[in-house]
């Protein structure tokens, strides 16, 4: 599973592989608790931080401001509610293991 912090415009966003079993298990646990959001839509900014994405075997998942957009490899789409941003924050905290704390600390001040 590859996680990417959606941060830059015109530059490569920081990405890393999530392969620790405990981390993958926690992501699955949090993800499976998210309720579906009818008529929901991701409302992210163009400049600066605009979410975190996860690319897995099943699709692409984008988390921002309590909303998760899911695009399956079969082109299925749904939107979920991450109301307390627990999963988004968990993913950002995982980035601390891979990147300079400065990036993550700046992002986590939003929460």
N, C-alpha and C. Protein backbone atom coordinates (compact mmCIF):
# COMPACT_ATOMS: atom_id res chain seq x y z
N UNK A 1 0.85 -1.16 0.00
CA UNK A 1 0.00 0.00 0.00
C UNK A 1 0.91 1.23 0.00
N UNK A 2 0.62 2.18 -0.87
CA UNK A 2 1.42 3.40 -0.96
C UNK A 2 0.59 4.57 -0.46
N UNK A 3 1.17 5.35 0.44
CA UNK A 3 0.52 6.53 0.98
C UNK A 3 1.23 7.77 0.45
N UNK A 4 0.46 8.79 0.10
CA UNK A 4 1.00 10.03 -0.43
C UNK A 4 0.35 11.21 0.29
N UNK A 5 1.19 12.15 0.74
CA UNK A 5 0.66 13.39 1.30
C UNK A 5 0.49 14.35 0.13
N UNK A 6 -0.73 14.78 -0.09
CA UNK A 6 -1.04 15.68 -1.20
C UNK A 6 -0.74 17.09 -0.73
N UNK A 7 0.40 17.60 -1.18
CA UNK A 7 0.95 18.81 -0.59
C UNK A 7 1.38 19.84 -1.61
N UNK A 8 1.98 19.40 -2.68
CA UNK A 8 2.63 20.33 -3.59
C UNK A 8 1.86 20.49 -4.89
N UNK A 9 2.10 21.60 -5.53
CA UNK A 9 1.57 21.85 -6.86
C UNK A 9 2.77 21.95 -7.80
N UNK A 10 2.85 21.07 -8.76
CA UNK A 10 3.96 21.12 -9.70
C UNK A 10 5.21 20.39 -9.26
N UNK A 11 5.19 19.77 -8.10
CA UNK A 11 6.30 18.96 -7.61
C UNK A 11 5.77 17.60 -7.16
N UNK A 12 6.67 16.65 -7.03
CA UNK A 12 6.26 15.34 -6.54
C UNK A 12 5.87 15.42 -5.07
N UNK A 13 4.74 14.84 -4.76
CA UNK A 13 4.29 14.77 -3.37
C UNK A 13 5.04 13.65 -2.65
N UNK A 14 5.29 13.81 -1.35
CA UNK A 14 5.99 12.77 -0.59
C UNK A 14 5.13 11.50 -0.48
N UNK A 15 5.73 10.36 -0.81
CA UNK A 15 5.05 9.06 -0.77
C UNK A 15 5.92 8.05 -0.05
N UNK A 16 5.29 7.04 0.50
CA UNK A 16 6.02 5.95 1.13
C UNK A 16 5.16 4.69 1.13
N UNK A 17 5.82 3.58 1.25
CA UNK A 17 5.16 2.27 1.30
C UNK A 17 4.77 1.96 2.74
N UNK A 18 3.54 1.54 2.94
CA UNK A 18 3.10 1.06 4.25
C UNK A 18 3.09 -0.46 4.15
N UNK A 19 3.97 -1.09 4.92
CA UNK A 19 4.06 -2.54 4.83
C UNK A 19 4.08 -3.24 6.18
N UNK A 20 4.10 -2.47 7.28
CA UNK A 20 4.05 -3.08 8.60
C UNK A 20 2.66 -3.64 8.86
N UNK A 21 2.60 -4.89 9.29
CA UNK A 21 1.32 -5.54 9.52
C UNK A 21 0.44 -4.75 10.49
N UNK A 22 1.03 -4.28 11.59
CA UNK A 22 0.25 -3.55 12.60
C UNK A 22 -0.37 -2.28 12.01
N UNK A 23 0.39 -1.58 11.18
CA UNK A 23 -0.13 -0.36 10.55
C UNK A 23 -1.25 -0.69 9.58
N UNK A 24 -1.06 -1.72 8.77
CA UNK A 24 -2.08 -2.13 7.81
C UNK A 24 -3.35 -2.59 8.52
N UNK A 25 -3.17 -3.30 9.63
CA UNK A 25 -4.32 -3.77 10.40
C UNK A 25 -5.10 -2.60 10.99
N UNK A 26 -4.40 -1.60 11.51
CA UNK A 26 -5.05 -0.42 12.09
C UNK A 26 -5.78 0.37 11.00
N UNK A 27 -5.18 0.52 9.84
CA UNK A 27 -5.84 1.20 8.73
C UNK A 27 -7.14 0.48 8.37
N UNK A 28 -7.08 -0.83 8.25
CA UNK A 28 -8.28 -1.61 7.93
C UNK A 28 -9.35 -1.48 9.00
N UNK A 29 -8.93 -1.50 10.25
CA UNK A 29 -9.87 -1.38 11.37
C UNK A 29 -10.58 -0.02 11.33
N UNK A 30 -9.82 1.05 11.15
CA UNK A 30 -10.42 2.39 11.09
C UNK A 30 -11.28 2.56 9.84
N UNK A 31 -10.80 2.06 8.70
CA UNK A 31 -11.53 2.19 7.45
C UNK A 31 -12.88 1.49 7.51
N UNK A 32 -12.90 0.30 8.07
CA UNK A 32 -14.14 -0.48 8.12
C UNK A 32 -15.20 0.13 9.02
N UNK A 33 -14.83 1.09 9.86
CA UNK A 33 -15.79 1.78 10.73
C UNK A 33 -16.40 3.02 10.09
N UNK A 34 -15.89 3.43 8.92
CA UNK A 34 -16.35 4.66 8.31
C UNK A 34 -17.71 4.46 7.65
N UNK A 35 -18.70 5.29 8.00
CA UNK A 35 -20.01 5.20 7.35
C UNK A 35 -19.99 5.85 5.97
N UNK A 36 -20.90 5.38 5.14
CA UNK A 36 -21.02 5.97 3.80
C UNK A 36 -21.66 7.35 3.91
N UNK A 37 -21.21 8.25 3.08
CA UNK A 37 -21.72 9.62 3.06
C UNK A 37 -22.45 9.82 1.74
N UNK A 38 -23.74 9.95 1.81
CA UNK A 38 -24.54 10.15 0.61
C UNK A 38 -24.36 11.58 0.10
N UNK A 39 -24.19 11.71 -1.19
CA UNK A 39 -24.04 13.01 -1.84
C UNK A 39 -22.86 13.81 -1.29
N UNK A 40 -21.89 13.14 -0.71
CA UNK A 40 -20.72 13.83 -0.21
C UNK A 40 -19.69 14.02 -1.31
N UNK A 41 -18.88 15.04 -1.14
CA UNK A 41 -17.84 15.31 -2.12
C UNK A 41 -16.65 15.91 -1.41
N UNK A 42 -15.47 15.50 -1.84
CA UNK A 42 -14.24 16.04 -1.31
C UNK A 42 -14.12 17.49 -1.72
N UNK A 43 -13.87 18.36 -0.77
CA UNK A 43 -13.74 19.78 -1.06
C UNK A 43 -12.35 20.22 -0.62
N UNK A 44 -11.35 19.90 -1.45
CA UNK A 44 -9.98 20.23 -1.06
C UNK A 44 -9.46 21.42 -1.84
N UNK A 45 -8.46 22.05 -1.22
CA UNK A 45 -7.87 23.23 -1.84
C UNK A 45 -6.90 22.81 -2.93
N UNK A 46 -6.55 23.75 -3.77
CA UNK A 46 -5.60 23.47 -4.84
C UNK A 46 -4.17 23.69 -4.36
N UNK A 47 -3.97 24.70 -3.51
CA UNK A 47 -2.64 25.02 -3.02
C UNK A 47 -2.46 24.52 -1.59
N UNK A 48 -1.24 24.12 -1.27
CA UNK A 48 -0.95 23.64 0.08
C UNK A 48 -1.51 22.25 0.31
N UNK A 49 -1.59 21.89 1.56
CA UNK A 49 -2.07 20.56 1.93
C UNK A 49 -3.50 20.36 1.44
N UNK A 50 -3.72 19.26 0.73
CA UNK A 50 -5.06 18.94 0.27
C UNK A 50 -5.37 17.46 0.40
N UNK A 51 -4.82 16.86 1.46
CA UNK A 51 -5.22 15.51 1.79
C UNK A 51 -4.11 14.48 1.76
N UNK A 52 -4.53 13.25 1.98
CA UNK A 52 -3.66 12.09 1.97
C UNK A 52 -4.33 11.05 1.08
N UNK A 53 -3.55 10.38 0.26
CA UNK A 53 -4.14 9.31 -0.56
C UNK A 53 -3.47 7.98 -0.24
N UNK A 54 -4.25 6.93 -0.40
CA UNK A 54 -3.77 5.56 -0.26
C UNK A 54 -4.04 4.83 -1.55
N UNK A 55 -3.03 4.22 -2.10
CA UNK A 55 -3.19 3.37 -3.30
C UNK A 55 -2.99 1.94 -2.85
N UNK A 56 -4.00 1.13 -3.05
CA UNK A 56 -3.93 -0.28 -2.64
C UNK A 56 -4.27 -1.18 -3.82
N UNK A 57 -4.31 -2.46 -3.56
CA UNK A 57 -4.68 -3.42 -4.61
C UNK A 57 -6.10 -3.22 -5.10
N UNK A 58 -6.95 -2.60 -4.26
CA UNK A 58 -8.36 -2.48 -4.60
C UNK A 58 -8.74 -1.12 -5.19
N UNK A 59 -7.88 -0.10 -5.02
CA UNK A 59 -8.23 1.20 -5.57
C UNK A 59 -7.44 2.34 -4.96
N UNK A 60 -7.97 3.54 -5.16
CA UNK A 60 -7.36 4.77 -4.67
C UNK A 60 -8.33 5.43 -3.70
N UNK A 61 -7.82 5.81 -2.53
CA UNK A 61 -8.63 6.39 -1.47
C UNK A 61 -8.00 7.72 -1.07
N UNK A 62 -8.80 8.80 -1.11
CA UNK A 62 -8.30 10.13 -0.80
C UNK A 62 -9.04 10.67 0.42
N UNK A 63 -8.26 11.10 1.42
CA UNK A 63 -8.78 11.57 2.70
C UNK A 63 -8.49 13.06 2.85
N UNK A 64 -9.53 13.83 3.17
CA UNK A 64 -9.31 15.25 3.43
C UNK A 64 -10.50 15.82 4.19
N UNK A 65 -10.19 16.46 5.29
CA UNK A 65 -11.19 17.21 6.04
C UNK A 65 -12.44 16.39 6.40
N UNK A 66 -12.23 15.14 6.79
CA UNK A 66 -13.33 14.31 7.24
C UNK A 66 -14.09 13.56 6.15
N UNK A 67 -13.64 13.68 4.92
CA UNK A 67 -14.30 13.01 3.80
C UNK A 67 -13.30 12.08 3.12
N UNK A 68 -13.77 10.90 2.72
CA UNK A 68 -12.92 9.94 2.02
C UNK A 68 -13.58 9.61 0.68
N UNK A 69 -12.88 9.89 -0.40
CA UNK A 69 -13.36 9.50 -1.72
C UNK A 69 -12.68 8.20 -2.10
N UNK A 70 -13.49 7.23 -2.49
CA UNK A 70 -13.00 5.90 -2.84
C UNK A 70 -13.25 5.65 -4.32
N UNK A 71 -12.19 5.33 -5.03
CA UNK A 71 -12.30 4.98 -6.45
C UNK A 71 -11.72 3.59 -6.61
N UNK A 72 -12.59 2.61 -6.84
CA UNK A 72 -12.15 1.24 -6.98
C UNK A 72 -11.50 1.00 -8.33
N UNK A 73 -10.66 -0.03 -8.39
CA UNK A 73 -10.03 -0.40 -9.67
C UNK A 73 -11.07 -0.77 -10.72
N UNK A 74 -12.27 -1.14 -10.27
CA UNK A 74 -13.37 -1.48 -11.19
C UNK A 74 -14.20 -0.23 -11.55
N UNK A 75 -13.66 0.97 -11.21
CA UNK A 75 -14.31 2.27 -11.45
C UNK A 75 -15.52 2.53 -10.56
N UNK A 76 -15.72 1.69 -9.54
CA UNK A 76 -16.78 1.98 -8.58
C UNK A 76 -16.35 3.19 -7.74
N UNK A 77 -17.34 3.96 -7.29
CA UNK A 77 -17.06 5.15 -6.50
C UNK A 77 -17.99 5.21 -5.30
N UNK A 78 -17.43 5.66 -4.18
CA UNK A 78 -18.27 5.96 -3.03
C UNK A 78 -17.54 6.95 -2.15
N UNK A 79 -18.29 7.59 -1.29
CA UNK A 79 -17.74 8.58 -0.38
C UNK A 79 -18.05 8.15 1.04
N UNK A 80 -17.05 8.24 1.91
CA UNK A 80 -17.20 7.85 3.30
C UNK A 80 -16.95 9.05 4.20
N UNK A 81 -17.41 8.95 5.44
CA UNK A 81 -17.24 10.02 6.41
C UNK A 81 -16.21 9.60 7.45
N UNK A 82 -15.13 10.37 7.55
CA UNK A 82 -14.08 10.20 8.56
C UNK A 82 -14.21 11.39 9.51
N UNK A 83 -15.35 11.43 10.20
CA UNK A 83 -15.80 12.62 10.92
C UNK A 83 -14.74 13.23 11.84
N UNK A 84 -14.08 12.42 12.62
CA UNK A 84 -13.06 12.94 13.53
C UNK A 84 -11.67 12.95 12.90
N UNK A 85 -11.61 12.61 11.63
CA UNK A 85 -10.36 12.58 10.85
C UNK A 85 -9.34 11.61 11.45
N UNK A 86 -9.84 10.59 12.14
CA UNK A 86 -8.94 9.64 12.80
C UNK A 86 -8.02 8.94 11.81
N UNK A 87 -8.57 8.51 10.70
CA UNK A 87 -7.75 7.79 9.73
C UNK A 87 -6.78 8.73 9.02
N UNK A 88 -7.24 9.90 8.67
CA UNK A 88 -6.37 10.89 8.03
C UNK A 88 -5.19 11.24 8.97
N UNK A 89 -5.49 11.47 10.23
CA UNK A 89 -4.45 11.81 11.21
C UNK A 89 -3.52 10.63 11.44
N UNK A 90 -4.06 9.41 11.48
CA UNK A 90 -3.22 8.22 11.64
C UNK A 90 -2.21 8.13 10.49
N UNK A 91 -2.68 8.35 9.27
CA UNK A 91 -1.79 8.28 8.11
C UNK A 91 -0.72 9.37 8.16
N UNK A 92 -1.10 10.57 8.57
CA UNK A 92 -0.12 11.65 8.70
C UNK A 92 0.93 11.31 9.77
N UNK A 93 0.48 10.72 10.86
CA UNK A 93 1.42 10.33 11.90
C UNK A 93 2.37 9.24 11.42
N UNK A 94 1.91 8.36 10.55
CA UNK A 94 2.80 7.34 9.98
C UNK A 94 3.90 7.99 9.15
N UNK A 95 3.61 9.13 8.57
CA UNK A 95 4.62 9.79 7.73
C UNK A 95 5.83 10.22 8.55
N UNK A 96 5.66 10.41 9.84
CA UNK A 96 6.79 10.81 10.69
C UNK A 96 7.92 9.79 10.64
N UNK A 97 7.57 8.55 10.38
CA UNK A 97 8.58 7.49 10.30
C UNK A 97 9.39 7.59 9.01
N UNK A 98 8.89 8.36 8.05
CA UNK A 98 9.49 8.38 6.72
C UNK A 98 10.01 9.73 6.27
N UNK A 99 9.57 10.79 6.92
CA UNK A 99 9.93 12.12 6.47
C UNK A 99 10.39 12.98 7.63
N UNK A 100 10.93 14.11 7.28
CA UNK A 100 11.32 15.10 8.26
C UNK A 100 10.10 15.46 9.10
N UNK A 101 10.26 15.48 10.40
CA UNK A 101 9.15 15.83 11.29
C UNK A 101 8.57 17.20 10.98
N UNK A 102 9.36 18.08 10.39
CA UNK A 102 8.88 19.43 10.09
C UNK A 102 7.63 19.39 9.22
N UNK A 103 7.65 18.58 8.17
CA UNK A 103 6.49 18.49 7.27
C UNK A 103 5.27 18.03 8.05
N UNK A 104 5.41 16.93 8.77
CA UNK A 104 4.28 16.36 9.49
C UNK A 104 3.79 17.29 10.59
N UNK A 105 4.69 17.89 11.32
CA UNK A 105 4.28 18.79 12.41
C UNK A 105 3.53 20.00 11.89
N UNK A 106 3.95 20.52 10.77
CA UNK A 106 3.22 21.65 10.16
C UNK A 106 1.81 21.21 9.79
N UNK A 107 1.68 20.04 9.17
CA UNK A 107 0.38 19.55 8.76
C UNK A 107 -0.52 19.27 9.95
N UNK A 108 0.03 18.66 11.00
CA UNK A 108 -0.79 18.27 12.14
C UNK A 108 -1.23 19.48 12.97
N UNK A 109 -0.66 20.65 12.76
CA UNK A 109 -1.15 21.83 13.46
C UNK A 109 -2.53 22.24 12.96
N UNK A 110 -2.94 21.72 11.81
CA UNK A 110 -4.27 21.99 11.28
C UNK A 110 -5.37 21.31 12.10
N UNK A 111 -5.01 20.28 12.84
CA UNK A 111 -6.01 19.45 13.50
C UNK A 111 -6.22 19.84 14.93
